C-alpha atoms as a PDB file:
ATOM      1  CA  UNK A   1       5.765 138.101 218.858  1.00  0.00           C
ATOM      2  CA  UNK A   2       5.351 134.598 220.276  1.00  0.00           C
ATOM      3  CA  UNK A   3       8.132 132.181 219.479  1.00  0.00           C
ATOM      4  CA  UNK A   4       7.147 128.825 217.967  1.00  0.00           C
ATOM      5  CA  UNK A   5       7.733 125.709 220.026  1.00  0.00           C
ATOM      6  CA  UNK A   6      11.007 123.874 219.519  1.00  0.00           C
ATOM      7  CA  UNK A   7      11.024 120.721 217.429  1.00  0.00           C
ATOM      8  CA  UNK A   8      11.413 117.303 219.019  1.00  0.00           C
ATOM      9  CA  UNK A   9      10.739 116.268 222.588  1.00  0.00           C
ATOM     10  CA  UNK A  10      13.900 117.605 224.202  1.00  0.00           C
ATOM     11  CA  UNK A  11      12.555 121.050 225.041  1.00  0.00           C
ATOM     12  CA  UNK A  12      14.278 124.262 224.000  1.00  0.00           C
ATOM     13  CA  UNK A  13      17.848 122.997 224.548  1.00  0.00           C
ATOM     14  CA  UNK A  14      18.002 119.209 223.953  1.00  0.00           C
ATOM     15  CA  UNK A  15      17.399 119.531 220.253  1.00  0.00           C
ATOM     16  CA  UNK A  16      17.117 116.491 218.018  1.00  0.00           C
ATOM     17  CA  UNK A  17      19.902 115.525 215.643  1.00  0.00           C
ATOM     18  CA  UNK A  18      22.491 112.847 214.908  1.00  0.00           C
ATOM     19  CA  UNK A  19      24.073 113.456 218.309  1.00  0.00           C
ATOM     20  CA  UNK A  20      23.361 111.843 221.690  1.00  0.00           C
ATOM     21  CA  UNK A  21      22.355 113.860 224.750  1.00  0.00           C
ATOM     22  CA  UNK A  22      23.385 113.037 228.280  1.00  0.00           C
ATOM     23  CA  UNK A  23      24.469 114.605 231.558  1.00  0.00           C
ATOM     24  CA  UNK A  24      27.843 114.314 233.273  1.00  0.00           C
ATOM     25  CA  UNK A  25      28.932 115.359 236.765  1.00  0.00           C
ATOM     26  CA  UNK A  26      31.991 117.574 237.202  1.00  0.00           C
ATOM     27  CA  UNK A  27      33.288 120.163 239.679  1.00  0.00           C
ATOM     28  CA  UNK A  28      30.242 119.901 241.919  1.00  0.00           C
ATOM     29  CA  UNK A  29      27.615 120.411 239.203  1.00  0.00           C
ATOM     30  CA  UNK A  30      25.814 118.588 236.402  1.00  0.00           C
ATOM     31  CA  UNK A  31      26.543 119.436 232.778  1.00  0.00           C
ATOM     32  CA  UNK A  32      24.550 118.658 229.665  1.00  0.00           C
ATOM     33  CA  UNK A  33      26.514 117.457 226.644  1.00  0.00           C
ATOM     34  CA  UNK A  34      25.736 116.461 223.064  1.00  0.00           C
ATOM     35  CA  UNK A  35      28.203 113.996 221.556  1.00  0.00           C
ATOM     36  CA  UNK A  36      29.004 112.186 218.329  1.00  0.00           C
ATOM     37  CA  UNK A  37      31.745 109.917 217.037  1.00  0.00           C
ATOM     38  CA  UNK A  38      34.697 107.976 218.392  1.00  0.00           C
ATOM     39  CA  UNK A  39      38.348 108.894 218.614  1.00  0.00           C
ATOM     40  CA  UNK A  40      40.395 111.629 220.303  1.00  0.00           C
ATOM     41  CA  UNK A  41      38.161 113.988 222.270  1.00  0.00           C
ATOM     42  CA  UNK A  42      37.317 117.428 220.883  1.00  0.00           C
ATOM     43  CA  UNK A  43      35.387 119.472 223.463  1.00  0.00           C
ATOM     44  CA  UNK A  44      33.421 122.439 222.103  1.00  0.00           C
ATOM     45  CA  UNK A  45      32.634 125.453 224.304  1.00  0.00           C
ATOM     46  CA  UNK A  46      29.950 127.952 223.282  1.00  0.00           C
ATOM     47  CA  UNK A  47      29.825 131.704 223.824  1.00  0.00           C
ATOM     48  CA  UNK A  48      27.197 134.336 224.630  1.00  0.00           C
ATOM     49  CA  UNK A  49      24.249 134.456 223.972  1.00  0.00           C
ATOM     50  CA  UNK A  50      24.237 130.849 222.789  1.00  0.00           C
ATOM     51  CA  UNK A  51      24.419 127.263 224.053  1.00  0.00           C
ATOM     52  CA  UNK A  52      25.835 123.919 222.831  1.00  0.00           C
ATOM     53  CA  UNK A  53      23.695 123.979 219.660  1.00  0.00           C
ATOM     54  CA  UNK A  54      25.956 126.657 218.148  1.00  0.00           C
ATOM     55  CA  UNK A  55      28.273 123.735 217.208  1.00  0.00           C
ATOM     56  CA  UNK A  56      25.595 121.791 215.280  1.00  0.00           C
ATOM     57  CA  UNK A  57      27.585 122.093 212.036  1.00  0.00           C
ATOM     58  CA  UNK A  58      30.899 121.034 213.551  1.00  0.00           C
ATOM     59  CA  UNK A  59      29.706 118.013 215.574  1.00  0.00           C
ATOM     60  CA  UNK A  60      28.963 115.720 212.599  1.00  0.00           C
ATOM     61  CA  UNK A  61      31.974 116.958 210.630  1.00  0.00           C
ATOM     62  CA  UNK A  62      34.339 116.221 213.506  1.00  0.00           C
ATOM     63  CA  UNK A  63      32.754 112.801 214.068  1.00  0.00           C
ATOM     64  CA  UNK A  64      33.156 111.970 210.380  1.00  0.00           C
ATOM     65  CA  UNK A  65      36.802 113.066 210.585  1.00  0.00           C
ATOM     66  CA  UNK A  66      37.490 110.486 213.295  1.00  0.00           C
ATOM     67  CA  UNK A  67      37.039 112.466 216.503  1.00  0.00           C
ATOM     68  CA  UNK A  68      34.832 112.111 219.542  1.00  0.00           C
ATOM     69  CA  UNK A  69      33.048 115.452 219.300  1.00  0.00           C
ATOM     70  CA  UNK A  70      31.360 116.754 222.461  1.00  0.00           C
ATOM     71  CA  UNK A  71      29.594 120.101 222.852  1.00  0.00           C
ATOM     72  CA  UNK A  72      28.843 121.064 226.446  1.00  0.00           C
ATOM     73  CA  UNK A  73      26.560 123.659 227.962  1.00  0.00           C
ATOM     74  CA  UNK A  74      28.520 125.933 230.269  1.00  0.00           C
ATOM     75  CA  UNK A  75      27.457 126.325 233.895  1.00  0.00           C
ATOM     76  CA  UNK A  76      24.140 128.149 234.112  1.00  0.00           C
ATOM     77  CA  UNK A  77      23.233 127.765 230.431  1.00  0.00           C
ATOM     78  CA  UNK A  78      21.239 125.307 228.307  1.00  0.00           C
ATOM     79  CA  UNK A  79      20.720 122.004 230.058  1.00  0.00           C
ATOM     80  CA  UNK A  80      23.454 122.440 232.684  1.00  0.00           C
ATOM     81  CA  UNK A  81      22.993 123.269 236.361  1.00  0.00           C
ATOM     82  CA  UNK A  82      22.230 126.843 237.367  1.00  0.00           C
ATOM     83  CA  UNK A  83      24.217 127.198 240.562  1.00  0.00           C
ATOM     84  CA  UNK A  84      24.112 130.317 242.750  1.00  0.00           C
ATOM     85  CA  UNK A  85      27.895 130.778 242.563  1.00  0.00           C
ATOM     86  CA  UNK A  86      30.926 129.639 240.601  1.00  0.00           C
ATOM     87  CA  UNK A  87      30.957 131.944 237.544  1.00  0.00           C
ATOM     88  CA  UNK A  88      34.528 133.205 237.801  1.00  0.00           C
ATOM     89  CA  UNK A  89      36.773 131.997 234.933  1.00  0.00           C
ATOM     90  CA  UNK A  90      38.995 129.837 237.123  1.00  0.00           C
ATOM     91  CA  UNK A  91      36.022 127.805 238.362  1.00  0.00           C
ATOM     92  CA  UNK A  92      34.380 127.687 234.931  1.00  0.00           C
ATOM     93  CA  UNK A  93      37.639 126.369 233.470  1.00  0.00           C
ATOM     94  CA  UNK A  94      37.617 123.655 236.144  1.00  0.00           C
ATOM     95  CA  UNK A  95      34.120 122.768 234.920  1.00  0.00           C
ATOM     96  CA  UNK A  96      35.614 122.200 231.477  1.00  0.00           C
ATOM     97  CA  UNK A  97      38.554 120.110 232.629  1.00  0.00           C
ATOM     98  CA  UNK A  98      36.263 118.233 235.013  1.00  0.00           C
ATOM     99  CA  UNK A  99      34.037 117.253 232.101  1.00  0.00           C
ATOM    100  CA  UNK A 100      37.103 115.920 230.253  1.00  0.00           C
ATOM    101  CA  UNK A 101      37.853 113.652 233.219  1.00  0.00           C
ATOM    102  CA  UNK A 102      34.192 112.636 233.610  1.00  0.00           C
ATOM    103  CA  UNK A 103      34.163 111.541 229.978  1.00  0.00           C
ATOM    104  CA  UNK A 104      37.004 109.161 230.820  1.00  0.00           C
ATOM    105  CA  UNK A 105      39.484 110.865 228.520  1.00  0.00           C
ATOM    106  CA  UNK A 106      43.135 111.668 229.260  1.00  0.00           C
ATOM    107  CA  UNK A 107      42.939 115.017 227.465  1.00  0.00           C
ATOM    108  CA  UNK A 108      41.026 116.989 224.853  1.00  0.00           C
ATOM    109  CA  UNK A 109      41.414 119.461 222.052  1.00  0.00           C
ATOM    110  CA  UNK A 110      39.464 122.466 223.333  1.00  0.00           C
ATOM    111  CA  UNK A 111      37.514 124.560 220.832  1.00  0.00           C
ATOM    112  CA  UNK A 112      36.010 127.716 222.317  1.00  0.00           C
ATOM    113  CA  UNK A 113      34.076 130.660 220.909  1.00  0.00           C
ATOM    114  CA  UNK A 114      33.611 134.013 222.662  1.00  0.00           C
ATOM    115  CA  UNK A 115      33.263 133.276 226.413  1.00  0.00           C
ATOM    116  CA  UNK A 116      33.992 129.631 225.638  1.00  0.00           C
ATOM    117  CA  UNK A 117      37.244 130.822 224.076  1.00  0.00           C
ATOM    118  CA  UNK A 118      38.129 132.816 227.193  1.00  0.00           C
ATOM    119  CA  UNK A 119      37.633 129.657 229.256  1.00  0.00           C
ATOM    120  CA  UNK A 120      39.615 127.560 226.772  1.00  0.00           C
ATOM    121  CA  UNK A 121      42.595 129.912 227.136  1.00  0.00           C
ATOM    122  CA  UNK A 122      42.212 129.690 230.916  1.00  0.00           C
ATOM    123  CA  UNK A 123      41.956 125.880 231.006  1.00  0.00           C
ATOM    124  CA  UNK A 124      45.064 125.522 228.841  1.00  0.00           C
ATOM    125  CA  UNK A 125      47.029 127.542 231.406  1.00  0.00           C
ATOM    126  CA  UNK A 126      45.494 126.049 234.552  1.00  0.00           C
ATOM    127  CA  UNK A 127      45.379 122.379 233.539  1.00  0.00           C
ATOM    128  CA  UNK A 128      47.887 122.012 230.673  1.00  0.00           C
ATOM    129  CA  UNK A 129      48.103 118.218 230.962  1.00  0.00           C
ATOM    130  CA  UNK A 130      44.395 117.920 230.109  1.00  0.00           C
ATOM    131  CA  UNK A 131      44.534 120.133 227.002  1.00  0.00           C
ATOM    132  CA  UNK A 132      46.038 118.488 223.920  1.00  0.00           C
ATOM    133  CA  UNK A 133      45.402 121.360 221.535  1.00  0.00           C
ATOM    134  CA  UNK A 134      43.683 124.724 221.715  1.00  0.00           C
ATOM    135  CA  UNK A 135      41.358 126.418 219.219  1.00  0.00           C
ATOM    136  CA  UNK A 136      39.926 129.846 220.053  1.00  0.00           C
ATOM    137  CA  UNK A 137      37.481 131.868 217.968  1.00  0.00           C
ATOM    138  CA  UNK A 138      36.512 135.530 218.417  1.00  0.00           C
ATOM    139  CA  UNK A 139      38.266 135.988 221.762  1.00  0.00           C
ATOM    140  CA  UNK A 140      41.768 137.207 222.677  1.00  0.00           C
ATOM    141  CA  UNK A 141      43.870 135.772 225.469  1.00  0.00           C
ATOM    142  CA  UNK A 142      42.458 136.955 228.857  1.00  0.00           C
ATOM    143  CA  UNK A 143      45.416 139.246 229.502  1.00  0.00           C
ATOM    144  CA  UNK A 144      45.081 140.706 226.027  1.00  0.00           C
ATOM    145  CA  UNK A 145      41.317 141.140 226.584  1.00  0.00           C
ATOM    146  CA  UNK A 146      41.938 142.985 229.848  1.00  0.00           C
ATOM    147  CA  UNK A 147      44.515 145.281 228.295  1.00  0.00           C
ATOM    148  CA  UNK A 148      42.355 146.095 225.275  1.00  0.00           C
ATOM    149  CA  UNK A 149      39.232 146.808 227.307  1.00  0.00           C
ATOM    150  CA  UNK A 150      41.105 149.141 229.667  1.00  0.00           C
ATOM    151  CA  UNK A 151      43.453 150.960 227.274  1.00  0.00           C
ATOM    152  CA  UNK A 152      41.834 150.865 223.817  1.00  0.00           C
ATOM    153  CA  UNK A 153      38.831 153.185 223.632  1.00  0.00           C
ATOM    154  CA  UNK A 154      37.601 151.621 220.379  1.00  0.00           C
ATOM    155  CA  UNK A 155      37.607 148.143 221.938  1.00  0.00           C
ATOM    156  CA  UNK A 156      35.995 149.396 225.126  1.00  0.00           C
ATOM    157  CA  UNK A 157      33.202 150.927 223.043  1.00  0.00           C
ATOM    158  CA  UNK A 158      32.858 147.748 220.941  1.00  0.00           C
ATOM    159  CA  UNK A 159      32.422 145.770 224.166  1.00  0.00           C
ATOM    160  CA  UNK A 160      29.946 148.248 225.643  1.00  0.00           C
ATOM    161  CA  UNK A 161      27.467 145.447 226.359  1.00  0.00           C
ATOM    162  CA  UNK A 162      29.932 144.100 228.950  1.00  0.00           C
ATOM    163  CA  UNK A 163      29.968 147.425 230.781  1.00  0.00           C
ATOM    164  CA  UNK A 164      26.167 147.454 230.581  1.00  0.00           C
ATOM    165  CA  UNK A 165      26.013 144.026 232.215  1.00  0.00           C
ATOM    166  CA  UNK A 166      27.418 145.494 235.425  1.00  0.00           C
ATOM    167  CA  UNK A 167      24.068 146.995 236.395  1.00  0.00           C
ATOM    168  CA  UNK A 168      21.995 144.886 238.812  1.00  0.00           C
ATOM    169  CA  UNK A 169      18.929 143.025 237.516  1.00  0.00           C
ATOM    170  CA  UNK A 170      18.159 145.324 234.571  1.00  0.00           C
ATOM    171  CA  UNK A 171      20.317 143.416 232.025  1.00  0.00           C
ATOM    172  CA  UNK A 172      18.535 140.164 232.868  1.00  0.00           C
ATOM    173  CA  UNK A 173      15.156 141.763 232.358  1.00  0.00           C
ATOM    174  CA  UNK A 174      16.247 143.286 229.074  1.00  0.00           C
ATOM    175  CA  UNK A 175      17.527 139.930 227.807  1.00  0.00           C
ATOM    176  CA  UNK A 176      14.207 138.138 228.327  1.00  0.00           C
ATOM    177  CA  UNK A 177      11.844 141.008 227.427  1.00  0.00           C
ATOM    178  CA  UNK A 178       9.600 140.469 224.385  1.00  0.00           C
ATOM    179  CA  UNK A 179      10.510 136.770 224.104  1.00  0.00           C
ATOM    180  CA  UNK A 180      14.232 137.530 224.327  1.00  0.00           C
ATOM    181  CA  UNK A 181      14.118 139.923 221.370  1.00  0.00           C
ATOM    182  CA  UNK A 182      17.452 141.429 222.451  1.00  0.00           C
ATOM    183  CA  UNK A 183      19.183 138.085 221.854  1.00  0.00           C
ATOM    184  CA  UNK A 184      18.111 138.247 218.225  1.00  0.00           C
ATOM    185  CA  UNK A 185      19.258 141.861 217.926  1.00  0.00           C
ATOM    186  CA  UNK A 186      22.691 141.068 219.354  1.00  0.00           C
ATOM    187  CA  UNK A 187      23.265 138.101 217.055  1.00  0.00           C
ATOM    188  CA  UNK A 188      22.195 140.092 213.986  1.00  0.00           C
ATOM    189  CA  UNK A 189      24.263 143.140 214.971  1.00  0.00           C
ATOM    190  CA  UNK A 190      27.363 141.075 215.714  1.00  0.00           C
ATOM    191  CA  UNK A 191      27.206 139.000 212.527  1.00  0.00           C
ATOM    192  CA  UNK A 192      28.960 139.932 209.298  1.00  0.00           C
ATOM    193  CA  UNK A 193      27.444 140.144 205.800  1.00  0.00           C
ATOM    194  CA  UNK A 194      26.472 136.450 206.076  1.00  0.00           C
ATOM    195  CA  UNK A 195      24.102 136.609 209.050  1.00  0.00           C
ATOM    196  CA  UNK A 196      23.089 133.708 211.254  1.00  0.00           C
ATOM    197  CA  UNK A 197      19.796 132.352 209.883  1.00  0.00           C
ATOM    198  CA  UNK A 198      16.530 133.403 211.510  1.00  0.00           C
ATOM    199  CA  UNK A 199      15.563 129.889 212.582  1.00  0.00           C
ATOM    200  CA  UNK A 200      18.772 129.676 214.588  1.00  0.00           C
ATOM    201  CA  UNK A 201      18.137 133.103 216.102  1.00  0.00           C
ATOM    202  CA  UNK A 202      14.714 131.935 217.308  1.00  0.00           C
ATOM    203  CA  UNK A 203      16.339 128.857 218.843  1.00  0.00           C
ATOM    204  CA  UNK A 204      18.727 131.041 220.838  1.00  0.00           C
ATOM    205  CA  UNK A 205      15.870 133.246 221.957  1.00  0.00           C
ATOM    206  CA  UNK A 206      13.935 130.247 223.270  1.00  0.00           C
ATOM    207  CA  UNK A 207      16.974 128.969 225.150  1.00  0.00           C
ATOM    208  CA  UNK A 208      17.512 132.336 226.854  1.00  0.00           C
ATOM    209  CA  UNK A 209      13.933 132.200 228.172  1.00  0.00           C
ATOM    210  CA  UNK A 210      14.678 129.103 230.281  1.00  0.00           C
ATOM    211  CA  UNK A 211      14.451 130.406 233.882  1.00  0.00           C
ATOM    212  CA  UNK A 212      17.691 131.830 235.366  1.00  0.00           C
ATOM    213  CA  UNK A 213      19.616 131.513 232.080  1.00  0.00           C
ATOM    214  CA  UNK A 214      19.833 135.275 231.528  1.00  0.00           C
ATOM    215  CA  UNK A 215      21.258 135.874 235.001  1.00  0.00           C
ATOM    216  CA  UNK A 216      23.775 133.031 234.797  1.00  0.00           C
ATOM    217  CA  UNK A 217      24.877 134.069 231.293  1.00  0.00           C
ATOM    218  CA  UNK A 218      25.765 137.542 232.537  1.00  0.00           C
ATOM    219  CA  UNK A 219      27.539 136.559 235.760  1.00  0.00           C
ATOM    220  CA  UNK A 220      30.925 135.678 234.127  1.00  0.00           C
ATOM    221  CA  UNK A 221      31.061 139.138 232.531  1.00  0.00           C
ATOM    222  CA  UNK A 222      30.251 140.769 235.858  1.00  0.00           C
ATOM    223  CA  UNK A 223      33.181 138.977 237.445  1.00  0.00           C
ATOM    224  CA  UNK A 224      35.527 139.958 234.605  1.00  0.00           C
ATOM    225  CA  UNK A 225      34.859 143.666 235.188  1.00  0.00           C
ATOM    226  CA  UNK A 226      34.218 143.855 238.936  1.00  0.00           C
ATOM    227  CA  UNK A 227      37.346 141.856 239.730  1.00  0.00           C
ATOM    228  CA  UNK A 228      39.705 144.124 237.769  1.00  0.00           C
ATOM    229  CA  UNK A 229      40.892 145.889 240.925  1.00  0.00           C
ATOM    230  CA  UNK A 230      40.097 143.116 243.409  1.00  0.00           C
ATOM    231  CA  UNK A 231      42.688 140.661 244.779  1.00  0.00           C
ATOM    232  CA  UNK A 232      41.029 137.676 243.055  1.00  0.00           C
ATOM    233  CA  UNK A 233      41.055 139.423 239.678  1.00  0.00           C
ATOM    234  CA  UNK A 234      44.645 140.591 240.058  1.00  0.00           C
ATOM    235  CA  UNK A 235      45.697 137.078 241.075  1.00  0.00           C
ATOM    236  CA  UNK A 236      43.908 135.597 238.052  1.00  0.00           C
ATOM    237  CA  UNK A 237      45.622 138.070 235.726  1.00  0.00           C
ATOM    238  CA  UNK A 238      49.025 137.155 237.179  1.00  0.00           C
ATOM    239  CA  UNK A 239      48.237 133.476 236.870  1.00  0.00           C
ATOM    240  CA  UNK A 240      47.488 133.930 233.187  1.00  0.00           C
ATOM    241  CA  UNK A 241      51.063 135.149 232.609  1.00  0.00           C
ATOM    242  CA  UNK A 242      52.023 131.496 232.385  1.00  0.00           C
ATOM    243  CA  UNK A 243      52.380 130.680 228.693  1.00  0.00           C
ATOM    244  CA  UNK A 244      50.153 128.322 226.756  1.00  0.00           C
ATOM    245  CA  UNK A 245      52.347 125.363 225.794  1.00  0.00           C
ATOM    246  CA  UNK A 246      50.073 123.472 223.402  1.00  0.00           C
ATOM    247  CA  UNK A 247      49.571 124.008 219.640  1.00  0.00           C
ATOM    248  CA  UNK A 248      47.050 126.811 219.213  1.00  0.00           C
ATOM    249  CA  UNK A 249      44.783 127.823 216.330  1.00  0.00           C
ATOM    250  CA  UNK A 250      43.327 131.313 216.647  1.00  0.00           C
ATOM    251  CA  UNK A 251      40.347 132.109 214.398  1.00  0.00           C
ATOM    252  CA  UNK A 252      38.724 135.490 213.884  1.00  0.00           C
ATOM    253  CA  UNK A 253      36.246 137.237 211.605  1.00  0.00           C
ATOM    254  CA  UNK A 254      37.641 140.324 209.896  1.00  0.00           C
ATOM    255  CA  UNK A 255      34.421 142.319 210.420  1.00  0.00           C
ATOM    256  CA  UNK A 256      33.817 141.266 214.040  1.00  0.00           C
ATOM    257  CA  UNK A 257      32.245 144.371 215.638  1.00  0.00           C
ATOM    258  CA  UNK A 258      32.465 143.044 219.214  1.00  0.00           C
ATOM    259  CA  UNK A 259      36.081 141.929 219.424  1.00  0.00           C
ATOM    260  CA  UNK A 260      38.288 144.003 217.160  1.00  0.00           C
ATOM    261  CA  UNK A 261      40.935 142.217 215.105  1.00  0.00           C
ATOM    262  CA  UNK A 262      43.754 144.271 216.617  1.00  0.00           C
ATOM    263  CA  UNK A 263      42.594 143.250 220.106  1.00  0.00           C
ATOM    264  CA  UNK A 264      42.673 139.543 219.327  1.00  0.00           C
ATOM    265  CA  UNK A 265      45.757 139.499 217.112  1.00  0.00           C
ATOM    266  CA  UNK A 266      48.275 140.103 219.889  1.00  0.00           C
ATOM    267  CA  UNK A 267      47.431 136.881 221.713  1.00  0.00           C
ATOM    268  CA  UNK A 268      50.245 134.877 220.147  1.00  0.00           C
ATOM    269  CA  UNK A 269      52.712 136.457 222.596  1.00  0.00           C
ATOM    270  CA  UNK A 270      51.229 134.232 225.296  1.00  0.00           C
ATOM    271  CA  UNK A 271      51.761 130.988 223.363  1.00  0.00           C
ATOM    272  CA  UNK A 272      55.074 129.113 223.545  1.00  0.00           C
ATOM    273  CA  UNK A 273      54.061 126.447 221.050  1.00  0.00           C
ATOM    274  CA  UNK A 274      53.021 126.318 217.384  1.00  0.00           C
ATOM    275  CA  UNK A 275      50.539 129.167 216.908  1.00  0.00           C
ATOM    276  CA  UNK A 276      48.453 129.763 213.804  1.00  0.00           C
ATOM    277  CA  UNK A 277      46.370 132.897 213.207  1.00  0.00           C
ATOM    278  CA  UNK A 278      43.554 132.652 210.663  1.00  0.00           C
ATOM    279  CA  UNK A 279      41.458 135.682 209.715  1.00  0.00           C
ATOM    280  CA  UNK A 280      38.195 134.955 207.883  1.00  0.00           C
ATOM    281  CA  UNK A 281      37.555 137.759 205.420  1.00  0.00           C
ATOM    282  CA  UNK A 282      34.050 139.201 205.589  1.00  0.00           C
ATOM    283  CA  UNK A 283      32.879 137.259 208.631  1.00  0.00           C
ATOM    284  CA  UNK A 284      31.718 138.707 211.935  1.00  0.00           C
ATOM    285  CA  UNK A 285      31.599 137.459 215.506  1.00  0.00           C
ATOM    286  CA  UNK A 286      30.160 134.014 214.694  1.00  0.00           C
ATOM    287  CA  UNK A 287      32.396 132.597 211.936  1.00  0.00           C
ATOM    288  CA  UNK A 288      31.482 128.985 212.791  1.00  0.00           C
ATOM    289  CA  UNK A 289      27.841 129.774 211.965  1.00  0.00           C
ATOM    290  CA  UNK A 290      28.211 132.480 209.331  1.00  0.00           C
ATOM    291  CA  UNK A 291      30.378 130.262 207.111  1.00  0.00           C
ATOM    292  CA  UNK A 292      30.372 126.787 208.702  1.00  0.00           C
ATOM    293  CA  UNK A 293      31.978 125.134 205.673  1.00  0.00           C
ATOM    294  CA  UNK A 294      35.096 127.330 205.702  1.00  0.00           C
ATOM    295  CA  UNK A 295      35.361 127.338 209.481  1.00  0.00           C
ATOM    296  CA  UNK A 296      34.941 123.583 209.831  1.00  0.00           C
ATOM    297  CA  UNK A 297      37.447 122.853 207.069  1.00  0.00           C
ATOM    298  CA  UNK A 298      40.052 125.015 208.798  1.00  0.00           C
ATOM    299  CA  UNK A 299      39.317 123.373 212.145  1.00  0.00           C
ATOM    300  CA  UNK A 300      39.369 119.762 210.968  1.00  0.00           C
ATOM    301  CA  UNK A 301      42.464 120.170 208.795  1.00  0.00           C
ATOM    302  CA  UNK A 302      44.390 121.730 211.661  1.00  0.00           C
ATOM    303  CA  UNK A 303      43.274 119.102 214.188  1.00  0.00           C
ATOM    304  CA  UNK A 304      44.392 116.338 211.816  1.00  0.00           C
ATOM    305  CA  UNK A 305      47.724 118.014 211.079  1.00  0.00           C
ATOM    306  CA  UNK A 306      50.325 116.053 213.029  1.00  0.00           C
ATOM    307  CA  UNK A 307      52.854 118.900 212.851  1.00  0.00           C
ATOM    308  CA  UNK A 308      51.059 122.273 212.929  1.00  0.00           C
ATOM    309  CA  UNK A 309      53.474 125.006 211.952  1.00  0.00           C
ATOM    310  CA  UNK A 310      54.165 128.017 214.097  1.00  0.00           C
END
C-alpha cells in the first residue's frame, strides 16, 4: 500500500487548519508548535505513536473558550529537532517548561496524553511554578507506572510493546515497514469501540515515516525500562516522590487495553491539591480522538472552573 500525499503545503506534519505553525527554541533544541487563540496558555503534549495533530479537535475549542491553545511536537517527533540525546523524562520535561518560557508566558495548564502525560506529571513536579494546572489522559503518575509495570503481570503484559522496544534497531524497522503499517495496527488495537478514523491513521503513518522519527519516538521508552536499576532511574523515581501541588484532572478510557484502569487510578495519592478522576465509559487509549466532543467538554469545563473540587 502506498500512502496518499498529505494535504496542503506543510508536508506530513505541518498540516493546514485554523491554527498557526511556527518554531520556538527551548532547552537547546527547536520545537514545532501549532497555536490558536488568546488568553491563559494551555500547552498540549501528544503521546505515541502520534504528533501535535492529535489535538486538532481541542485546539479550536480551547481557543473559542478563551485560551491560548498550543500543541507542541515533542523532541524527535513531527516538526521538532531530532537530537542524538536528551530523551530521558527529566530533559523532555525541561523541553516542555522551556517552551512555556519561550512563548513568553508565566505558566501553563499542561494537557498530556500517553507519553505526553508522563512528561506533564514530571514537569509539574520539577517546575511547579510554571504549571498552573495539570490534565493527564491515559497515563498514571510515573511512580505508579513503574510499580504497575514491575508488580502487576496484567499491566506488564498490556504494555508488552514497551518491553519489545528494548531491542536494538528492530523496533524502528518494524515501525516504518510497509509504509508504517504497524502504526495503524497499534492505533486500531488500542482504540475502543469508537475507533480513530482511517484518514487520521494514515496521517500518523505518514508522520512516522519522516526520517529518524521512529528511533526518537522509541528512545523515551528505552530509558524508562533500562534505567529502572540504574542510578539515574532510581534518582528520578525518588525525585517523583514530591507531590503534585496543582489542581489535577485525570482522564481515562474504561476499555484502554494499554494502560489498565487500576494502574492509572492510584495516581491521586501523589497529588496534594484538588484532584478529579474521570473515567470515560467505552473509550480506549485515545479518548480525545475517539469521542472528542465528550473529552473536550470535560477539559474545557474543568479549565474554566475557578474552584475545581477535590
